[in-house]
All heavy atoms as atom14 arrays in JSON, in Angstrom:
{
  "sequence": "AAEIIAKSIRRRIVLGELREGDTLPSEADLM",
  "atom14_mask": [
    [1, 1, 1, 1, 1, 0, 0, 0, 0, 0, 0, 0, 0, 0],
    [1, 1, 1, 1, 1, 0, 0, 0, 0, 0, 0, 0, 0, 0],
    [1, 1, 1, 1, 1, 1, 1, 1, 1, 0, 0, 0, 0, 0],
    [1, 1, 1, 1, 1, 1, 1, 1, 0, 0, 0, 0, 0, 0],
    [1, 1, 1, 1, 1, 1, 1, 1, 0, 0, 0, 0, 0, 0],
    [1, 1, 1, 1, 1, 0, 0, 0, 0, 0, 0, 0, 0, 0],
    [1, 1, 1, 1, 1, 1, 1, 1, 1, 0, 0, 0, 0, 0],
    [1, 1, 1, 1, 1, 1, 0, 0, 0, 0, 0, 0, 0, 0],
    [1, 1, 1, 1, 1, 1, 1, 1, 0, 0, 0, 0, 0, 0],
    [1, 1, 1, 1, 1, 1, 1, 1, 1, 1, 1, 0, 0, 0],
    [1, 1, 1, 1, 1, 1, 1, 1, 1, 1, 1, 0, 0, 0],
    [1, 1, 1, 1, 1, 1, 1, 1, 1, 1, 1, 0, 0, 0],
    [1, 1, 1, 1, 1, 1, 1, 1, 0, 0, 0, 0, 0, 0],
    [1, 1, 1, 1, 1, 1, 1, 0, 0, 0, 0, 0, 0, 0],
    [1, 1, 1, 1, 1, 1, 1, 1, 0, 0, 0, 0, 0, 0],
    [1, 1, 1, 1, 0, 0, 0, 0, 0, 0, 0, 0, 0, 0],
    [1, 1, 1, 1, 1, 1, 1, 1, 1, 0, 0, 0, 0, 0],
    [1, 1, 1, 1, 1, 1, 1, 1, 0, 0, 0, 0, 0, 0],
    [1, 1, 1, 1, 1, 1, 1, 1, 1, 1, 1, 0, 0, 0],
    [1, 1, 1, 1, 1, 1, 1, 1, 1, 0, 0, 0, 0, 0],
    [1, 1, 1, 1, 0, 0, 0, 0, 0, 0, 0, 0, 0, 0],
    [1, 1, 1, 1, 1, 1, 1, 1, 0, 0, 0, 0, 0, 0],
    [1, 1, 1, 1, 1, 1, 1, 0, 0, 0, 0, 0, 0, 0],
    [1, 1, 1, 1, 1, 1, 1, 1, 0, 0, 0, 0, 0, 0],
    [1, 1, 1, 1, 1, 1, 1, 0, 0, 0, 0, 0, 0, 0],
    [1, 1, 1, 1, 1, 1, 0, 0, 0, 0, 0, 0, 0, 0],
    [1, 1, 1, 1, 1, 1, 1, 1, 1, 0, 0, 0, 0, 0],
    [1, 1, 1, 1, 1, 0, 0, 0, 0, 0, 0, 0, 0, 0],
    [1, 1, 1, 1, 1, 1, 1, 1, 0, 0, 0, 0, 0, 0],
    [1, 1, 1, 1, 1, 1, 1, 1, 0, 0, 0, 0, 0, 0],
    [1, 1, 1, 1, 1, 1, 1, 1, 0, 0, 0, 0, 0, 0]
  ],
  "atom14_positions": [
    [[2.98, 8.01, 25.74], [2.24, 6.88, 25.17], [1.2, 7.36, 24.15], [1.02, 6.75, 23.09], [1.57, 6.08, 26.29], [0.0, 0.0, 0.0], [0.0, 0.0, 0.0], [0.0, 0.0, 0.0], [0.0, 0.0, 0.0], [0.0, 0.0, 0.0], [0.0, 0.0, 0.0], [0.0, 0.0, 0.0], [0.0, 0.0, 0.0], [0.0, 0.0, 0.0]],
    [[0.52, 8.48, 24.47], [-0.5, 8.99, 23.55], [0.11, 9.39, 22.22], [-0.5, 9.19, 21.16], [-1.21, 10.19, 24.19], [0.0, 0.0, 0.0], [0.0, 0.0, 0.0], [0.0, 0.0, 0.0], [0.0, 0.0, 0.0], [0.0, 0.0, 0.0], [0.0, 0.0, 0.0], [0.0, 0.0, 0.0], [0.0, 0.0, 0.0], [0.0, 0.0, 0.0]],
    [[1.31, 9.97, 22.24], [1.98, 10.37, 21.01], [2.37, 9.15, 20.18], [2.29, 9.18, 18.94], [3.22, 11.2, 21.34], [2.9, 12.55, 21.98], [4.13, 13.24, 22.54], [5.17, 12.56, 22.68], [4.05, 14.45, 22.83], [0.0, 0.0, 0.0], [0.0, 0.0, 0.0], [0.0, 0.0, 0.0], [0.0, 0.0, 0.0], [0.0, 0.0, 0.0]],
    [[2.78, 8.08, 20.85], [3.15, 6.84, 20.15], [1.91, 6.24, 19.47], [1.98, 5.79, 18.32], [3.77, 5.84, 21.13], [5.1, 6.38, 21.66], [3.98, 4.49, 20.45], [5.72, 5.53, 22.76], [0.0, 0.0, 0.0], [0.0, 0.0, 0.0], [0.0, 0.0, 0.0], [0.0, 0.0, 0.0], [0.0, 0.0, 0.0], [0.0, 0.0, 0.0]],
    [[0.79, 6.25, 20.16], [-0.45, 5.72, 19.58], [-0.86, 6.57, 18.37], [-1.21, 6.03, 17.31], [-1.58, 5.72, 20.63], [-1.23, 4.77, 21.77], [-2.91, 5.34, 19.99], [-2.15, 4.88, 22.97], [0.0, 0.0, 0.0], [0.0, 0.0, 0.0], [0.0, 0.0, 0.0], [0.0, 0.0, 0.0], [0.0, 0.0, 0.0], [0.0, 0.0, 0.0]],
    [[-0.83, 7.89, 18.53], [-1.2, 8.78, 17.43], [-0.28, 8.56, 16.23], [-0.74, 8.53, 15.08], [-1.14, 10.24, 17.89], [0.0, 0.0, 0.0], [0.0, 0.0, 0.0], [0.0, 0.0, 0.0], [0.0, 0.0, 0.0], [0.0, 0.0, 0.0], [0.0, 0.0, 0.0], [0.0, 0.0, 0.0], [0.0, 0.0, 0.0], [0.0, 0.0, 0.0]],
    [[1.01, 8.38, 16.49], [1.96, 8.16, 15.4], [1.66, 6.86, 14.67], [1.72, 6.78, 13.44], [3.38, 8.12, 15.96], [4.45, 7.89, 14.9], [5.85, 7.9, 15.52], [6.91, 7.66, 14.44], [8.29, 7.67, 15.04], [0.0, 0.0, 0.0], [0.0, 0.0, 0.0], [0.0, 0.0, 0.0], [0.0, 0.0, 0.0], [0.0, 0.0, 0.0]],
    [[1.3, 5.81, 15.42], [1.0, 4.51, 14.83], [-0.22, 4.6, 13.91], [-0.2, 4.1, 12.78], [0.75, 3.48, 15.92], [0.34, 2.25, 15.38], [0.0, 0.0, 0.0], [0.0, 0.0, 0.0], [0.0, 0.0, 0.0], [0.0, 0.0, 0.0], [0.0, 0.0, 0.0], [0.0, 0.0, 0.0], [0.0, 0.0, 0.0], [0.0, 0.0, 0.0]],
    [[-1.28, 5.23, 14.41], [-2.51, 5.33, 13.61], [-2.29, 6.28, 12.43], [-2.76, 6.03, 11.31], [-3.67, 5.8, 14.49], [-3.95, 4.75, 15.56], [-4.92, 6.05, 13.65], [-5.0, 5.16, 16.59], [0.0, 0.0, 0.0], [0.0, 0.0, 0.0], [0.0, 0.0, 0.0], [0.0, 0.0, 0.0], [0.0, 0.0, 0.0], [0.0, 0.0, 0.0]],
    [[-1.55, 7.38, 12.67], [-1.23, 8.32, 11.59], [-0.49, 7.62, 10.45], [-0.76, 7.84, 9.27], [-0.4, 9.47, 12.15], [-0.16, 10.6, 11.16], [0.84, 11.59, 11.71], [0.42, 12.18, 12.97], [1.1, 12.05, 14.12], [2.22, 11.33, 14.17], [0.66, 12.64, 15.21], [0.0, 0.0, 0.0], [0.0, 0.0, 0.0], [0.0, 0.0, 0.0]],
    [[0.45, 6.76, 10.82], [1.22, 6.04, 9.8], [0.31, 5.13, 8.97], [0.47, 5.02, 7.75], [2.33, 5.22, 10.48], [3.17, 4.41, 9.49], [4.34, 3.74, 10.19], [5.08, 2.88, 9.28], [5.94, 3.32, 8.38], [6.18, 4.61, 8.26], [6.57, 2.47, 7.59], [0.0, 0.0, 0.0], [0.0, 0.0, 0.0], [0.0, 0.0, 0.0]],
    [[-0.62, 4.49, 9.62], [-1.55, 3.61, 8.88], [-2.41, 4.4, 7.92], [-2.75, 3.91, 6.83], [-2.42, 2.84, 9.87], [-1.65, 1.84, 10.74], [-2.61, 1.01, 11.56], [-3.44, 0.19, 10.69], [-4.54, -0.44, 11.09], [-4.94, -0.32, 12.36], [-5.25, -1.17, 10.25], [0.0, 0.0, 0.0], [0.0, 0.0, 0.0], [0.0, 0.0, 0.0]],
    [[-2.76, 5.63, 8.29], [-3.54, 6.48, 7.39], [-2.69, 6.87, 6.19], [-3.12, 6.79, 5.03], [-4.05, 7.73, 8.13], [-5.06, 7.33, 9.21], [-4.69, 8.72, 7.15], [-5.5, 8.46, 10.11], [0.0, 0.0, 0.0], [0.0, 0.0, 0.0], [0.0, 0.0, 0.0], [0.0, 0.0, 0.0], [0.0, 0.0, 0.0], [0.0, 0.0, 0.0]],
    [[-1.45, 7.3, 6.45], [-0.55, 7.73, 5.37], [-0.26, 6.58, 4.4], [-0.17, 6.78, 3.19], [0.77, 8.27, 5.97], [1.8, 8.5, 4.87], [0.51, 9.58, 6.72], [0.0, 0.0, 0.0], [0.0, 0.0, 0.0], [0.0, 0.0, 0.0], [0.0, 0.0, 0.0], [0.0, 0.0, 0.0], [0.0, 0.0, 0.0], [0.0, 0.0, 0.0]],
    [[-0.11, 5.37, 4.93], [0.19, 4.21, 4.08], [-1.04, 3.67, 3.36], [-0.93, 2.76, 2.53], [0.82, 3.09, 4.93], [2.2, 3.39, 5.51], [2.68, 2.23, 6.37], [3.21, 3.66, 4.38], [0.0, 0.0, 0.0], [0.0, 0.0, 0.0], [0.0, 0.0, 0.0], [0.0, 0.0, 0.0], [0.0, 0.0, 0.0], [0.0, 0.0, 0.0]],
    [[-2.21, 4.22, 3.68], [-3.42, 3.77, 3.01], [-4.06, 2.55, 3.64], [-5.04, 2.01, 3.1], [0.0, 0.0, 0.0], [0.0, 0.0, 0.0], [0.0, 0.0, 0.0], [0.0, 0.0, 0.0], [0.0, 0.0, 0.0], [0.0, 0.0, 0.0], [0.0, 0.0, 0.0], [0.0, 0.0, 0.0], [0.0, 0.0, 0.0], [0.0, 0.0, 0.0]],
    [[-3.53, 2.11, 4.78], [-4.13, 0.96, 5.46], [-5.46, 1.35, 6.09], [-6.36, 0.51, 6.25], [-3.18, 0.43, 6.53], [-1.87, -0.12, 5.96], [-0.87, -0.47, 7.05], [-1.23, -0.42, 8.24], [0.3, -0.78, 6.71], [0.0, 0.0, 0.0], [0.0, 0.0, 0.0], [0.0, 0.0, 0.0], [0.0, 0.0, 0.0], [0.0, 0.0, 0.0]],
    [[-5.57, 2.61, 6.47], [-6.83, 3.18, 6.93], [-7.23, 4.25, 5.94], [-6.43, 5.14, 5.63], [-6.68, 3.77, 8.34], [-6.48, 2.78, 9.49], [-6.14, 3.53, 10.77], [-7.73, 1.93, 9.69], [0.0, 0.0, 0.0], [0.0, 0.0, 0.0], [0.0, 0.0, 0.0], [0.0, 0.0, 0.0], [0.0, 0.0, 0.0], [0.0, 0.0, 0.0]],
    [[-8.46, 4.18, 5.46], [-8.92, 5.12, 4.44], [-10.02, 6.02, 4.98], [-10.63, 5.73, 6.02], [-9.41, 4.37, 3.21], [-8.34, 3.5, 2.56], [-8.84, 2.83, 1.29], [-7.8, 2.01, 0.7], [-6.84, 2.47, -0.09], [-6.79, 3.76, -0.37], [-5.94, 1.66, -0.61], [0.0, 0.0, 0.0], [0.0, 0.0, 0.0], [0.0, 0.0, 0.0]],
    [[-10.23, 7.12, 4.27], [-11.27, 8.06, 4.68], [-12.6, 7.34, 4.85], [-13.03, 6.57, 3.99], [-11.41, 9.18, 3.65], [-12.42, 10.24, 4.05], [-12.47, 11.41, 3.09], [-11.93, 11.27, 1.98], [-13.04, 12.45, 3.45], [0.0, 0.0, 0.0], [0.0, 0.0, 0.0], [0.0, 0.0, 0.0], [0.0, 0.0, 0.0], [0.0, 0.0, 0.0]],
    [[-13.24, 7.59, 5.99], [-14.53, 6.97, 6.27], [-14.44, 5.71, 7.1], [-15.44, 5.26, 7.67], [0.0, 0.0, 0.0], [0.0, 0.0, 0.0], [0.0, 0.0, 0.0], [0.0, 0.0, 0.0], [0.0, 0.0, 0.0], [0.0, 0.0, 0.0], [0.0, 0.0, 0.0], [0.0, 0.0, 0.0], [0.0, 0.0, 0.0], [0.0, 0.0, 0.0]],
    [[-13.24, 5.11, 7.18], [-13.08, 3.92, 8.02], [-13.29, 4.28, 9.49], [-12.91, 5.37, 9.93], [-11.68, 3.32, 7.86], [-11.48, 2.61, 6.53], [-12.48, 2.44, 5.81], [-10.34, 2.25, 6.22], [0.0, 0.0, 0.0], [0.0, 0.0, 0.0], [0.0, 0.0, 0.0], [0.0, 0.0, 0.0], [0.0, 0.0, 0.0], [0.0, 0.0, 0.0]],
    [[-13.86, 3.36, 10.23], [-14.05, 3.55, 11.66], [-12.96, 2.79, 12.41], [-12.71, 1.62, 12.12], [-15.43, 3.05, 12.11], [-16.44, 3.78, 11.41], [-15.61, 3.26, 13.61], [0.0, 0.0, 0.0], [0.0, 0.0, 0.0], [0.0, 0.0, 0.0], [0.0, 0.0, 0.0], [0.0, 0.0, 0.0], [0.0, 0.0, 0.0], [0.0, 0.0, 0.0]],
    [[-12.32, 3.45, 13.35], [-11.3, 2.79, 14.16], [-11.95, 1.75, 15.08], [-13.14, 1.86, 15.39], [-10.54, 3.82, 14.99], [-9.71, 4.87, 14.24], [-8.96, 5.75, 15.24], [-8.73, 4.22, 13.28], [0.0, 0.0, 0.0], [0.0, 0.0, 0.0], [0.0, 0.0, 0.0], [0.0, 0.0, 0.0], [0.0, 0.0, 0.0], [0.0, 0.0, 0.0]],
    [[-11.18, 0.77, 15.52], [-11.72, -0.19, 16.49], [-12.25, 0.53, 17.72], [-11.94, 1.69, 17.97], [-10.51, -1.07, 16.82], [-9.63, -0.97, 15.61], [-9.79, 0.44, 15.13], [0.0, 0.0, 0.0], [0.0, 0.0, 0.0], [0.0, 0.0, 0.0], [0.0, 0.0, 0.0], [0.0, 0.0, 0.0], [0.0, 0.0, 0.0], [0.0, 0.0, 0.0]],
    [[-13.03, -0.19, 18.52], [-13.6, 0.4, 19.74], [-12.5, 0.8, 20.71], [-11.36, 0.33, 20.62], [-14.53, -0.61, 20.43], [-13.76, -1.7, 20.94], [0.0, 0.0, 0.0], [0.0, 0.0, 0.0], [0.0, 0.0, 0.0], [0.0, 0.0, 0.0], [0.0, 0.0, 0.0], [0.0, 0.0, 0.0], [0.0, 0.0, 0.0], [0.0, 0.0, 0.0]],
    [[-12.86, 1.68, 21.65], [-11.89, 2.1, 22.65], [-11.33, 0.9, 23.41], [-10.13, 0.82, 23.68], [-12.53, 3.09, 23.62], [-12.72, 4.48, 23.06], [-13.12, 5.47, 24.14], [-13.39, 5.03, 25.29], [-13.13, 6.69, 23.86], [0.0, 0.0, 0.0], [0.0, 0.0, 0.0], [0.0, 0.0, 0.0], [0.0, 0.0, 0.0], [0.0, 0.0, 0.0]],
    [[-12.22, -0.04, 23.75], [-11.77, -1.21, 24.51], [-10.73, -2.01, 23.72], [-9.71, -2.45, 24.28], [-12.97, -2.1, 24.85], [0.0, 0.0, 0.0], [0.0, 0.0, 0.0], [0.0, 0.0, 0.0], [0.0, 0.0, 0.0], [0.0, 0.0, 0.0], [0.0, 0.0, 0.0], [0.0, 0.0, 0.0], [0.0, 0.0, 0.0], [0.0, 0.0, 0.0]],
    [[-10.99, -2.18, 22.41], [-10.05, -2.93, 21.57], [-8.71, -2.2, 21.45], [-7.64, -2.82, 21.51], [-10.64, -3.17, 20.19], [-11.76, -4.2, 20.21], [-11.85, -4.95, 21.2], [-12.54, -4.24, 19.24], [0.0, 0.0, 0.0], [0.0, 0.0, 0.0], [0.0, 0.0, 0.0], [0.0, 0.0, 0.0], [0.0, 0.0, 0.0], [0.0, 0.0, 0.0]],
    [[-8.76, -0.89, 21.27], [-7.53, -0.11, 21.13], [-6.75, -0.08, 22.44], [-5.51, -0.13, 22.44], [-7.85, 1.3, 20.65], [-8.29, 1.43, 19.19], [-8.78, 2.85, 18.89], [-7.16, 1.06, 18.24], [0.0, 0.0, 0.0], [0.0, 0.0, 0.0], [0.0, 0.0, 0.0], [0.0, 0.0, 0.0], [0.0, 0.0, 0.0], [0.0, 0.0, 0.0]],
    [[-7.46, 0.02, 23.56], [-6.78, 0.01, 24.86], [-6.05, -1.31, 25.06], [-4.91, -1.35, 25.55], [-7.81, 0.23, 25.98], [-8.32, 1.67, 26.07], [-9.89, 1.8, 26.99], [-9.45, 1.03, 28.55], [0.0, 0.0, 0.0], [0.0, 0.0, 0.0], [0.0, 0.0, 0.0], [0.0, 0.0, 0.0], [0.0, 0.0, 0.0], [0.0, 0.0, 0.0]]
  ]
}
């Protein structure tokens, strides 16, 4: 599951949906 989550967020970074300096949602929201 952790690898799937990392892959999902990694993909958003590569696609530019998440940019340098952006803060990810809180742990509670991501969980």
